[in-house]
Amino acid sequence: MTRDLLWVDSRAGLAVGAAMFALTGWLSPFYGLSRELLWIMGAANVGYGLYSGWLFTRRRRKRRAIVVLVVANATWALGCLVAAVYFAPVATVFGVLHLAGEGLIVGSLAALEWRARDVLATSS
């Protein structure tokens, strides 16, 4: 079950990133956020998805590689929450909810992966 955290992290990142890329033209006015910001968000999600997916496929993982993922996820979560506050005056409620929701979800993944870091580092 714990090893599935990496699979969930990967699939979520890839799915959200792909959706951001595919729907940028529609999401930009719906969220009240620039296309450039949505492209950055999509690229970050795809990057996290690829890295956590790569970790998932490894037979052996170094603890340091898991910690890198946790720090990256925690940083992204904080960035999303800061962006939700920063863009609140110009974004729609849906844009703010997306930013805040992504921050909470990615932050939760970071917390779960941090608690499971030793198991994730040694699972095969």
C-alpha atoms as a PDB file:
ATOM      1  CA  MET A   1       0.000   0.000   0.000  1.00  0.00           C
ATOM      2  CA  THR A   2       2.759   2.466   0.901  1.00  0.00           C
ATOM      3  CA  ARG A   3       4.565   1.895  -2.387  1.00  0.00           C
ATOM      4  CA  ASP A   4       1.360   2.938  -4.149  1.00  0.00           C
ATOM      5  CA  LEU A   5       1.942   6.493  -2.911  1.00  0.00           C
ATOM      6  CA  LEU A   6       4.522   6.939  -5.645  1.00  0.00           C
ATOM      7  CA  TRP A   7       2.119   5.526  -8.229  1.00  0.00           C
ATOM      8  CA  VAL A   8      -0.668   7.863  -7.051  1.00  0.00           C
ATOM      9  CA  ASP A   9       1.706  10.843  -7.027  1.00  0.00           C
ATOM     10  CA  SER A  10       2.886  10.018 -10.534  1.00  0.00           C
ATOM     11  CA  ARG A  11      -0.527   9.449 -12.063  1.00  0.00           C
ATOM     12  CA  ALA A  12      -2.030  12.515 -10.404  1.00  0.00           C
ATOM     13  CA  GLY A  13       0.807  14.749 -11.569  1.00  0.00           C
ATOM     14  CA  LEU A  14       0.699  13.425 -15.115  1.00  0.00           C
ATOM     15  CA  ALA A  15      -3.098  13.642 -15.328  1.00  0.00           C
ATOM     16  CA  VAL A  16      -3.297  17.185 -13.963  1.00  0.00           C
ATOM     17  CA  GLY A  17      -0.375  18.305 -16.114  1.00  0.00           C
ATOM     18  CA  ALA A  18      -1.880  16.824 -19.274  1.00  0.00           C
ATOM     19  CA  ALA A  19      -5.253  18.382 -18.473  1.00  0.00           C
ATOM     20  CA  MET A  20      -3.640  21.774 -17.915  1.00  0.00           C
ATOM     21  CA  PHE A  21      -1.881  21.570 -21.288  1.00  0.00           C
ATOM     22  CA  ALA A  22      -4.945  20.311 -23.142  1.00  0.00           C
ATOM     23  CA  LEU A  23      -7.415  22.746 -21.587  1.00  0.00           C
ATOM     24  CA  THR A  24      -5.306  25.880 -21.158  1.00  0.00           C
ATOM     25  CA  GLY A  25      -7.364  27.874 -23.665  1.00  0.00           C
ATOM     26  CA  TRP A  26     -10.572  27.060 -21.822  1.00  0.00           C
ATOM     27  CA  LEU A  27      -9.186  27.142 -18.278  1.00  0.00           C
ATOM     28  CA  SER A  28      -7.485  30.531 -18.581  1.00  0.00           C
ATOM     29  CA  PRO A  29     -10.701  32.587 -18.749  1.00  0.00           C
ATOM     30  CA  PHE A  30     -12.578  30.124 -16.506  1.00  0.00           C
ATOM     31  CA  TYR A  31      -9.921  30.462 -13.789  1.00  0.00           C
ATOM     32  CA  GLY A  32      -9.065  34.086 -14.477  1.00  0.00           C
ATOM     33  CA  LEU A  33      -5.396  33.076 -14.684  1.00  0.00           C
ATOM     34  CA  SER A  34      -2.930  33.624 -17.510  1.00  0.00           C
ATOM     35  CA  ARG A  35      -2.126  30.904 -20.006  1.00  0.00           C
ATOM     36  CA  GLU A  36       1.537  31.240 -19.051  1.00  0.00           C
ATOM     37  CA  LEU A  37       0.781  30.453 -15.411  1.00  0.00           C
ATOM     38  CA  LEU A  38      -1.304  27.449 -16.429  1.00  0.00           C
ATOM     39  CA  TRP A  39       1.518  26.208 -18.686  1.00  0.00           C
ATOM     40  CA  ILE A  40       3.963  26.535 -15.779  1.00  0.00           C
ATOM     41  CA  MET A  41       1.570  24.618 -13.549  1.00  0.00           C
ATOM     42  CA  GLY A  42       1.134  21.938 -16.206  1.00  0.00           C
ATOM     43  CA  ALA A  43       4.885  21.591 -16.700  1.00  0.00           C
ATOM     44  CA  ALA A  44       5.509  21.356 -12.958  1.00  0.00           C
ATOM     45  CA  ASN A  45       2.854  18.659 -12.595  1.00  0.00           C
ATOM     46  CA  VAL A  46       4.257  16.644 -15.486  1.00  0.00           C
ATOM     47  CA  GLY A  47       7.751  16.989 -14.012  1.00  0.00           C
ATOM     48  CA  TYR A  48       6.618  15.710 -10.621  1.00  0.00           C
ATOM     49  CA  GLY A  49       4.636  12.955 -12.298  1.00  0.00           C
ATOM     50  CA  LEU A  50       7.646  11.796 -14.281  1.00  0.00           C
ATOM     51  CA  TYR A  51       9.989  11.886 -11.288  1.00  0.00           C
ATOM     52  CA  SER A  52       7.645  10.038  -8.924  1.00  0.00           C
ATOM     53  CA  GLY A  53       6.834   7.563 -11.712  1.00  0.00           C
ATOM     54  CA  TRP A  54      10.530   6.971 -12.267  1.00  0.00           C
ATOM     55  CA  LEU A  55      10.921   6.356  -8.530  1.00  0.00           C
ATOM     56  CA  PHE A  56       7.968   3.964  -8.604  1.00  0.00           C
ATOM     57  CA  THR A  57       9.666   1.839 -11.272  1.00  0.00           C
ATOM     58  CA  ARG A  58      12.968   1.567  -9.390  1.00  0.00           C
ATOM     59  CA  ARG A  59      13.623  -1.693  -7.639  1.00  0.00           C
ATOM     60  CA  ARG A  60      15.766   0.109  -5.085  1.00  0.00           C
ATOM     61  CA  ARG A  61      15.389   3.733  -4.113  1.00  0.00           C
ATOM     62  CA  LYS A  62      17.762   5.883  -2.161  1.00  0.00           C
ATOM     63  CA  ARG A  63      16.275   7.685   0.796  1.00  0.00           C
ATOM     64  CA  ARG A  64      17.688  10.923  -0.603  1.00  0.00           C
ATOM     65  CA  ALA A  65      15.609  10.489  -3.791  1.00  0.00           C
ATOM     66  CA  ILE A  66      12.434  10.182  -1.710  1.00  0.00           C
ATOM     67  CA  VAL A  67      13.387  13.238   0.350  1.00  0.00           C
ATOM     68  CA  VAL A  68      13.907  15.210  -2.881  1.00  0.00           C
ATOM     69  CA  LEU A  69      10.359  14.301  -3.925  1.00  0.00           C
ATOM     70  CA  VAL A  70       8.952  15.249  -0.526  1.00  0.00           C
ATOM     71  CA  VAL A  71      10.740  18.621  -0.511  1.00  0.00           C
ATOM     72  CA  ALA A  72       9.640  19.318  -4.088  1.00  0.00           C
ATOM     73  CA  ASN A  73       6.030  18.424  -3.277  1.00  0.00           C
ATOM     74  CA  ALA A  74       6.035  20.499  -0.101  1.00  0.00           C
ATOM     75  CA  THR A  75       7.534  23.451  -1.970  1.00  0.00           C
ATOM     76  CA  TRP A  76       4.969  23.153  -4.762  1.00  0.00           C
ATOM     77  CA  ALA A  77       2.156  22.882  -2.206  1.00  0.00           C
ATOM     78  CA  LEU A  78       3.302  26.042  -0.459  1.00  0.00           C
ATOM     79  CA  GLY A  79       3.677  27.788  -3.816  1.00  0.00           C
ATOM     80  CA  CYS A  80       0.126  26.854  -4.790  1.00  0.00           C
ATOM     81  CA  LEU A  81      -1.269  28.169  -1.515  1.00  0.00           C
ATOM     82  CA  VAL A  82       0.694  31.415  -1.839  1.00  0.00           C
ATOM     83  CA  ALA A  83      -0.501  31.731  -5.449  1.00  0.00           C
ATOM     84  CA  ALA A  84      -4.110  31.195  -4.337  1.00  0.00           C
ATOM     85  CA  VAL A  85      -3.807  34.158  -1.983  1.00  0.00           C
ATOM     86  CA  TYR A  86      -1.795  36.287  -4.430  1.00  0.00           C
ATOM     87  CA  PHE A  87      -4.145  35.735  -7.372  1.00  0.00           C
ATOM     88  CA  ALA A  88      -7.371  35.862  -5.328  1.00  0.00           C
ATOM     89  CA  PRO A  89      -8.085  39.485  -6.336  1.00  0.00           C
ATOM     90  CA  VAL A  90      -7.972  38.681 -10.075  1.00  0.00           C
ATOM     91  CA  ALA A  91      -8.767  34.963 -10.347  1.00  0.00           C
ATOM     92  CA  THR A  92     -12.231  33.483 -10.324  1.00  0.00           C
ATOM     93  CA  VAL A  93     -13.367  31.414  -7.384  1.00  0.00           C
ATOM     94  CA  PHE A  94     -12.637  28.322  -9.491  1.00  0.00           C
ATOM     95  CA  GLY A  95      -9.046  29.415 -10.095  1.00  0.00           C
ATOM     96  CA  VAL A  96      -8.485  30.071  -6.408  1.00  0.00           C
ATOM     97  CA  LEU A  97     -10.095  26.746  -5.488  1.00  0.00           C
ATOM     98  CA  HIS A  98      -7.893  24.899  -7.979  1.00  0.00           C
ATOM     99  CA  LEU A  99      -4.718  26.497  -6.613  1.00  0.00           C
ATOM    100  CA  ALA A 100      -5.711  25.918  -2.981  1.00  0.00           C
ATOM    101  CA  GLY A 101      -6.950  22.390  -3.678  1.00  0.00           C
ATOM    102  CA  GLU A 102      -3.800  21.432  -5.522  1.00  0.00           C
ATOM    103  CA  GLY A 103      -1.747  22.841  -2.669  1.00  0.00           C
ATOM    104  CA  LEU A 104      -3.660  20.784  -0.122  1.00  0.00           C
ATOM    105  CA  ILE A 105      -3.506  17.574  -2.145  1.00  0.00           C
ATOM    106  CA  VAL A 106       0.188  17.865  -2.997  1.00  0.00           C
ATOM    107  CA  GLY A 107       0.955  18.883   0.588  1.00  0.00           C
ATOM    108  CA  SER A 108      -0.894  15.809   1.839  1.00  0.00           C
ATOM    109  CA  LEU A 109       1.110  13.614  -0.535  1.00  0.00           C
ATOM    110  CA  ALA A 110       4.314  15.211   0.744  1.00  0.00           C
ATOM    111  CA  ALA A 111       3.307  14.488   4.352  1.00  0.00           C
ATOM    112  CA  LEU A 112       2.384  10.871   3.578  1.00  0.00           C
ATOM    113  CA  GLU A 113       5.593  10.306   1.619  1.00  0.00           C
ATOM    114  CA  TRP A 114       7.637  11.876   4.415  1.00  0.00           C
ATOM    115  CA  ARG A 115       6.111   9.513   6.968  1.00  0.00           C
ATOM    116  CA  ALA A 116       6.741   6.556   4.652  1.00  0.00           C
ATOM    117  CA  ARG A 117      10.184   7.688   3.420  1.00  0.00           C
ATOM    118  CA  ASP A 118      12.082   4.792   4.957  1.00  0.00           C
ATOM    119  CA  VAL A 119       9.672   2.188   3.617  1.00  0.00           C
ATOM    120  CA  LEU A 120       9.593   3.859   0.196  1.00  0.00           C
ATOM    121  CA  ALA A 121      13.382   3.938   0.126  1.00  0.00           C
ATOM    122  CA  THR A 122      13.740   0.244   0.848  1.00  0.00           C
ATOM    123  CA  SER A 123      10.723  -1.264  -0.896  1.00  0.00           C
ATOM    124  CA  SER A 124      11.363  -3.417  -3.926  1.00  0.00           C
END
